[in-house]
Amino acid sequence: MAIETDVARHYGNAGIAVRILAALKAEQGADAPVTVDALSVLDHFHGRGIVATQELVELLKPEPGEHILDIGSGIGGPARWFAAKCGVFVTGVDLTPEFCAAAEALNRAVGLADKVTIKNGSALELPVPDDAFDRAYSQNVIMNIADKTRFYREALRALKPSGVLALSNLCLGAAGGAVIYPVPWAETAETSFLATPAEMERDLRAAGFTIELFRDTSAEILPANRRNRERLEREGLPPLGTHLILGERLRQMQINSSSNLEEGRVATIEALVRKPG
């Protein structure tokens, strides 16, 4: 699909894992161990970084030994965190080949290649069996998906009966107004597909999920979001950060993303939904 090609091109660039490991050693010393904790400032490609992943763990409540699906796994930071901290097995699926290559290299670097499996593929045609996963999650992926019901139906298919899906989604905000681009998920509106919260609820129900939790978290994260924007404007990018994934352009993308939230152009939604069983 042309849109998927454009999305993969937006995110993809060569040598991500090499840059990350080199930056980590330059900052922490050549003999510093490579661990999921050490990588956590670099490999959680989310506006709120490791904090968002920790909150996702609390929402999903995985049990040791379970099989978890990460839809839109990026370079694998959350997947490795889940595997290391929760004792689970994670399968990550991502559209961008360079992200998958980086995820696999970093899995090996932290000794989790046996716990985290990465597959290059589309969220609209997940390369996984039916009824295979106890739980699933997706962080800020749906903004690149036009056919949202199909996205949710694929997640439903992959889950075991009674399995749950945790979502951290960006939606259109109540204030309205055009989104300021570029943002981390898109250079322009051509590959950005934001739904309203009401549309998100509708699409989840249409896919077959029952909704257990659905809430707007924008007000909660706004203060930290504003502080991060002000720091980026004042100091620029830090030595270690997710800009090592997308490059220097991420600074303006993050500033714009923060402004969009502050001005009510977008909203952050947290949801937990269940497959009937």
Protein backbone atom coordinates (compact mmCIF):
# COMPACT_ATOMS: atom_id res chain seq x y z
CA MET A 1 0.00 0.00 0.00
CA ALA A 2 1.27 3.49 -0.87
CA ILE A 3 0.44 4.91 2.57
CA GLU A 4 2.30 2.12 4.35
CA THR A 5 5.33 2.71 2.12
CA ASP A 6 5.26 6.42 2.98
CA VAL A 7 4.91 5.68 6.70
CA ALA A 8 7.85 3.25 6.67
CA ARG A 9 9.93 5.81 4.76
CA HIS A 10 9.10 8.48 7.36
CA TYR A 11 10.47 6.37 10.20
CA GLY A 12 13.21 4.39 8.53
CA ASN A 13 16.91 5.19 8.45
CA ALA A 14 19.97 2.99 8.62
CA GLY A 15 22.26 2.31 11.56
CA ILE A 16 19.86 3.02 14.44
CA ALA A 17 21.22 0.37 16.83
CA VAL A 18 24.83 1.32 16.06
CA ARG A 19 24.11 4.99 16.89
CA ILE A 20 22.28 4.11 20.08
CA LEU A 21 24.95 1.77 21.42
CA ALA A 22 27.74 4.21 20.50
CA ALA A 23 25.94 7.10 22.22
CA LEU A 24 25.30 5.00 25.31
CA LYS A 25 28.97 4.04 25.63
CA ALA A 26 30.11 7.61 24.95
CA GLU A 27 27.88 8.90 27.75
CA GLN A 28 28.26 6.09 30.30
CA GLY A 29 31.67 4.61 29.49
CA ALA A 30 32.93 1.90 27.20
CA ASP A 31 32.56 -0.78 29.87
CA ALA A 32 29.08 0.21 30.99
CA PRO A 33 26.66 -2.73 30.70
CA VAL A 34 23.93 -2.58 28.08
CA THR A 35 20.67 -3.22 29.93
CA VAL A 36 17.00 -2.40 29.43
CA ASP A 37 17.35 0.23 32.15
CA ALA A 38 20.35 1.86 30.49
CA LEU A 39 18.57 1.88 27.13
CA SER A 40 15.31 3.23 28.54
CA VAL A 41 16.09 6.89 27.73
CA LEU A 42 16.79 5.91 24.12
CA ASP A 43 14.46 3.16 22.96
CA HIS A 44 10.94 4.05 24.15
CA PHE A 45 9.81 5.98 21.09
CA HIS A 46 6.89 7.74 22.72
CA GLY A 47 6.40 11.37 23.66
CA ARG A 48 6.58 10.41 27.34
CA GLY A 49 9.25 7.75 27.02
CA ILE A 50 9.72 5.11 29.69
CA VAL A 51 7.02 6.66 31.90
CA ALA A 52 4.40 5.80 29.28
CA THR A 53 5.63 2.20 29.12
CA GLN A 54 5.57 1.83 32.90
CA GLU A 55 1.98 3.09 32.95
CA LEU A 56 1.15 0.60 30.19
CA VAL A 57 2.50 -2.24 32.34
CA GLU A 58 0.24 -1.11 35.18
CA LEU A 59 -2.75 -0.99 32.84
CA LEU A 60 -2.12 -4.35 31.14
CA LYS A 61 -1.01 -6.27 34.27
CA PRO A 62 0.84 -9.10 32.48
CA GLU A 63 1.48 -12.38 34.29
CA PRO A 64 4.86 -14.20 34.13
CA GLY A 65 5.04 -16.66 31.25
CA GLU A 66 2.31 -15.01 29.19
CA HIS A 67 2.65 -14.24 25.50
CA ILE A 68 2.23 -10.55 24.71
CA LEU A 69 1.78 -8.85 21.33
CA ASP A 70 3.26 -5.39 20.67
CA ILE A 71 1.57 -3.82 17.63
CA GLY A 72 3.87 -1.19 16.16
CA SER A 73 6.86 -2.22 18.23
CA GLY A 74 9.34 0.34 16.88
CA ILE A 75 12.90 -0.46 17.95
CA GLY A 76 11.63 -2.70 20.72
CA GLY A 77 12.11 -0.70 23.91
CA PRO A 78 8.70 -1.46 25.45
CA ALA A 79 8.89 -5.11 24.34
CA ARG A 80 12.25 -5.55 26.04
CA TRP A 81 10.97 -3.77 29.16
CA PHE A 82 7.93 -6.06 29.38
CA ALA A 83 10.08 -9.15 28.86
CA ALA A 84 12.74 -8.15 31.40
CA LYS A 85 10.49 -6.69 34.10
CA CYS A 86 7.40 -8.92 33.81
CA GLY A 87 8.87 -12.29 32.81
CA VAL A 88 6.78 -12.57 29.65
CA PHE A 89 7.42 -13.46 26.03
CA VAL A 90 6.79 -10.62 23.57
CA THR A 91 6.22 -10.64 19.83
CA GLY A 92 6.63 -7.23 18.25
CA VAL A 93 5.31 -6.38 14.79
CA ASP A 94 6.47 -3.24 12.98
CA LEU A 95 6.11 -1.90 9.46
CA THR A 96 9.57 -0.31 9.21
CA PRO A 97 12.40 -2.72 8.28
CA GLU A 98 15.08 -0.49 9.84
CA PHE A 99 13.18 -0.46 13.13
CA CYS A 100 12.95 -4.26 13.10
CA ALA A 101 16.68 -4.61 12.39
CA ALA A 102 17.49 -2.23 15.24
CA ALA A 103 15.13 -4.05 17.61
CA GLU A 104 16.75 -7.40 16.88
CA ALA A 105 20.26 -5.98 17.39
CA LEU A 106 19.28 -4.40 20.70
CA ASN A 107 17.51 -7.60 21.81
CA ARG A 108 20.81 -9.42 21.33
CA ALA A 109 22.76 -6.67 23.09
CA VAL A 110 20.69 -7.04 26.29
CA GLY A 111 20.43 -10.85 26.09
CA LEU A 112 16.68 -11.00 25.37
CA ALA A 113 16.66 -12.52 21.89
CA ASP A 114 14.99 -15.63 23.34
CA LYS A 115 12.22 -13.59 24.99
CA VAL A 116 11.45 -10.96 22.34
CA THR A 117 10.60 -11.89 18.75
CA ILE A 118 10.39 -9.19 16.09
CA LYS A 119 8.38 -9.51 12.87
CA ASN A 120 8.38 -7.06 9.99
CA GLY A 121 4.78 -6.63 8.89
CA SER A 122 1.63 -4.56 8.76
CA ALA A 123 -0.76 -3.95 11.65
CA LEU A 124 -3.54 -4.48 9.11
CA GLU A 125 -2.31 -8.01 8.32
CA LEU A 126 -0.51 -9.13 11.45
CA PRO A 127 1.92 -11.99 10.68
CA VAL A 128 0.76 -13.96 13.72
CA PRO A 129 -1.70 -16.86 14.28
CA ASP A 130 -5.27 -16.55 15.49
CA ASP A 131 -5.97 -16.71 19.24
CA ALA A 132 -2.26 -16.72 20.09
CA PHE A 133 -1.71 -13.99 22.70
CA ASP A 134 -2.82 -13.49 26.28
CA ARG A 135 -2.54 -9.71 26.06
CA ALA A 136 -1.60 -7.03 23.53
CA TYR A 137 -0.74 -3.36 23.50
CA SER A 138 -0.15 -0.53 21.06
CA GLN A 139 1.41 2.85 21.78
CA ASN A 140 0.76 5.81 19.49
CA VAL A 141 0.46 3.74 16.30
CA ILE A 142 -3.14 4.29 15.24
CA MET A 143 -2.44 7.84 13.99
CA ASN A 144 -0.77 6.30 10.93
CA ILE A 145 -3.71 3.96 10.26
CA ALA A 146 -6.61 5.02 8.04
CA ASP A 147 -8.62 1.80 8.37
CA LYS A 148 -8.89 1.76 12.14
CA THR A 149 -11.60 -0.90 12.39
CA ARG A 150 -9.38 -3.28 10.45
CA PHE A 151 -6.49 -2.50 12.81
CA TYR A 152 -8.63 -3.35 15.83
CA ARG A 153 -10.06 -6.47 14.19
CA GLU A 154 -6.56 -7.78 13.56
CA ALA A 155 -5.71 -7.24 17.21
CA LEU A 156 -8.92 -9.04 18.19
CA ARG A 157 -8.04 -11.98 15.91
CA ALA A 158 -4.60 -12.37 17.46
CA LEU A 159 -5.84 -12.39 21.06
CA LYS A 160 -7.02 -15.46 22.91
CA PRO A 161 -10.67 -15.41 24.02
CA SER A 162 -10.96 -13.01 26.98
CA GLY A 163 -7.59 -11.49 26.10
CA VAL A 164 -7.10 -7.76 26.62
CA LEU A 165 -5.64 -4.96 24.52
CA ALA A 166 -4.17 -1.81 26.10
CA LEU A 167 -4.02 1.31 23.95
CA SER A 168 -2.27 4.63 24.19
CA ASN A 169 -3.72 6.65 21.31
CA LEU A 170 -3.55 10.22 20.11
CA CYS A 171 -6.92 11.53 18.96
CA LEU A 172 -8.30 14.82 17.71
CA GLY A 173 -8.73 17.30 20.54
CA ALA A 174 -11.92 19.01 21.63
CA ALA A 175 -10.63 22.47 20.71
CA GLY A 176 -10.41 21.55 17.05
CA GLY A 177 -8.11 23.37 14.68
CA ALA A 178 -5.59 22.00 12.24
CA VAL A 179 -2.75 19.92 13.65
CA ILE A 180 0.66 21.60 13.43
CA TYR A 181 3.12 19.52 11.37
CA PRO A 182 5.68 18.01 11.31
CA VAL A 183 5.10 15.75 14.31
CA PRO A 184 6.88 12.53 15.34
CA TRP A 185 4.40 10.33 13.49
CA ALA A 186 4.07 12.35 10.27
CA GLU A 187 5.73 15.11 8.27
CA THR A 188 2.38 16.21 6.83
CA ALA A 189 -1.31 15.41 7.08
CA GLU A 190 -0.94 12.97 4.18
CA THR A 191 0.06 10.12 6.51
CA SER A 192 -1.75 11.28 9.64
CA PHE A 193 -5.21 9.88 10.41
CA LEU A 194 -6.50 11.20 13.70
CA ALA A 195 -9.93 10.11 14.94
CA THR A 196 -12.04 11.73 17.61
CA PRO A 197 -12.35 9.90 20.95
CA ALA A 198 -15.98 9.09 20.09
CA GLU A 199 -14.87 7.57 16.78
CA MET A 200 -12.22 5.53 18.59
CA GLU A 201 -14.86 4.08 20.92
CA ARG A 202 -17.14 3.34 17.99
CA ASP A 203 -14.38 1.61 16.02
CA LEU A 204 -13.37 -0.55 18.98
CA ARG A 205 -16.95 -1.73 19.49
CA ALA A 206 -17.41 -2.29 15.76
CA ALA A 207 -14.31 -4.53 15.77
CA GLY A 208 -15.88 -6.69 18.47
CA PHE A 209 -14.17 -5.48 21.65
CA THR A 210 -15.88 -4.69 24.93
CA ILE A 211 -14.51 -1.55 26.59
CA GLU A 212 -13.36 -1.86 30.19
CA LEU A 213 -11.60 1.50 30.51
CA PHE A 214 -11.60 4.56 28.28
CA ARG A 215 -10.31 7.91 29.47
CA ASP A 216 -8.79 11.16 28.30
CA THR A 217 -5.41 11.63 30.00
CA SER A 218 -4.51 14.96 28.36
CA ALA A 219 -4.90 17.09 31.48
CA GLU A 220 -2.74 14.71 33.54
CA ILE A 221 0.24 14.79 31.21
CA LEU A 222 -0.01 18.44 30.20
CA PRO A 223 2.39 19.87 32.85
CA ALA A 224 5.22 17.45 32.03
CA ASN A 225 4.48 17.89 28.34
CA ARG A 226 4.85 21.68 28.66
CA ARG A 227 8.09 21.37 30.63
CA ASN A 228 9.55 19.11 27.94
CA ARG A 229 8.63 21.60 25.20
CA GLU A 230 10.19 24.48 27.12
CA ARG A 231 13.36 22.46 27.73
CA LEU A 232 13.64 21.56 24.04
CA GLU A 233 13.18 25.20 23.03
CA ARG A 234 15.71 26.40 25.61
CA GLU A 235 18.37 23.69 25.54
CA GLY A 236 17.80 21.61 22.43
CA LEU A 237 18.14 17.84 22.32
CA PRO A 238 19.92 15.94 25.13
CA PRO A 239 22.96 13.70 24.49
CA LEU A 240 20.80 10.58 24.93
CA GLY A 241 17.27 10.44 23.59
CA THR A 242 14.92 9.17 20.93
CA HIS A 243 16.31 11.67 18.41
CA LEU A 244 18.94 8.98 17.81
CA ILE A 245 16.10 7.12 16.07
CA LEU A 246 14.75 9.87 13.80
CA GLY A 247 17.57 12.40 13.90
CA GLU A 248 17.75 16.12 14.68
CA ARG A 249 14.38 16.76 13.03
CA LEU A 250 12.74 15.21 16.10
CA ARG A 251 13.32 18.40 18.12
CA GLN A 252 10.83 20.46 16.10
CA MET A 253 8.50 17.49 15.79
CA GLN A 254 8.33 17.14 19.57
CA ILE A 255 7.85 20.87 20.06
CA ASN A 256 4.97 20.83 17.59
CA SER A 257 3.46 17.73 19.19
CA SER A 258 3.56 19.40 22.60
CA SER A 259 2.00 22.57 21.22
CA ASN A 260 -0.79 20.54 19.64
CA LEU A 261 -1.65 19.02 23.02
CA GLU A 262 -1.38 22.32 24.90
CA GLU A 263 -3.70 24.01 22.40
CA GLY A 264 -6.26 21.19 22.44
CA ARG A 265 -5.66 20.21 18.82
CA VAL A 266 -4.97 16.63 19.95
CA ALA A 267 -5.91 14.55 22.99
CA THR A 268 -4.30 11.53 24.63
CA ILE A 269 -6.57 8.56 25.22
CA GLU A 270 -5.89 5.48 27.35
CA ALA A 271 -8.06 2.41 26.86
CA LEU A 272 -8.29 -1.20 27.97
CA VAL A 273 -10.54 -3.42 25.87
CA ARG A 274 -11.34 -7.13 25.98
CA LYS A 275 -12.04 -9.83 23.43
CA PRO A 276 -15.20 -11.72 24.34
CA GLY A 277 -14.50 -15.20 25.63
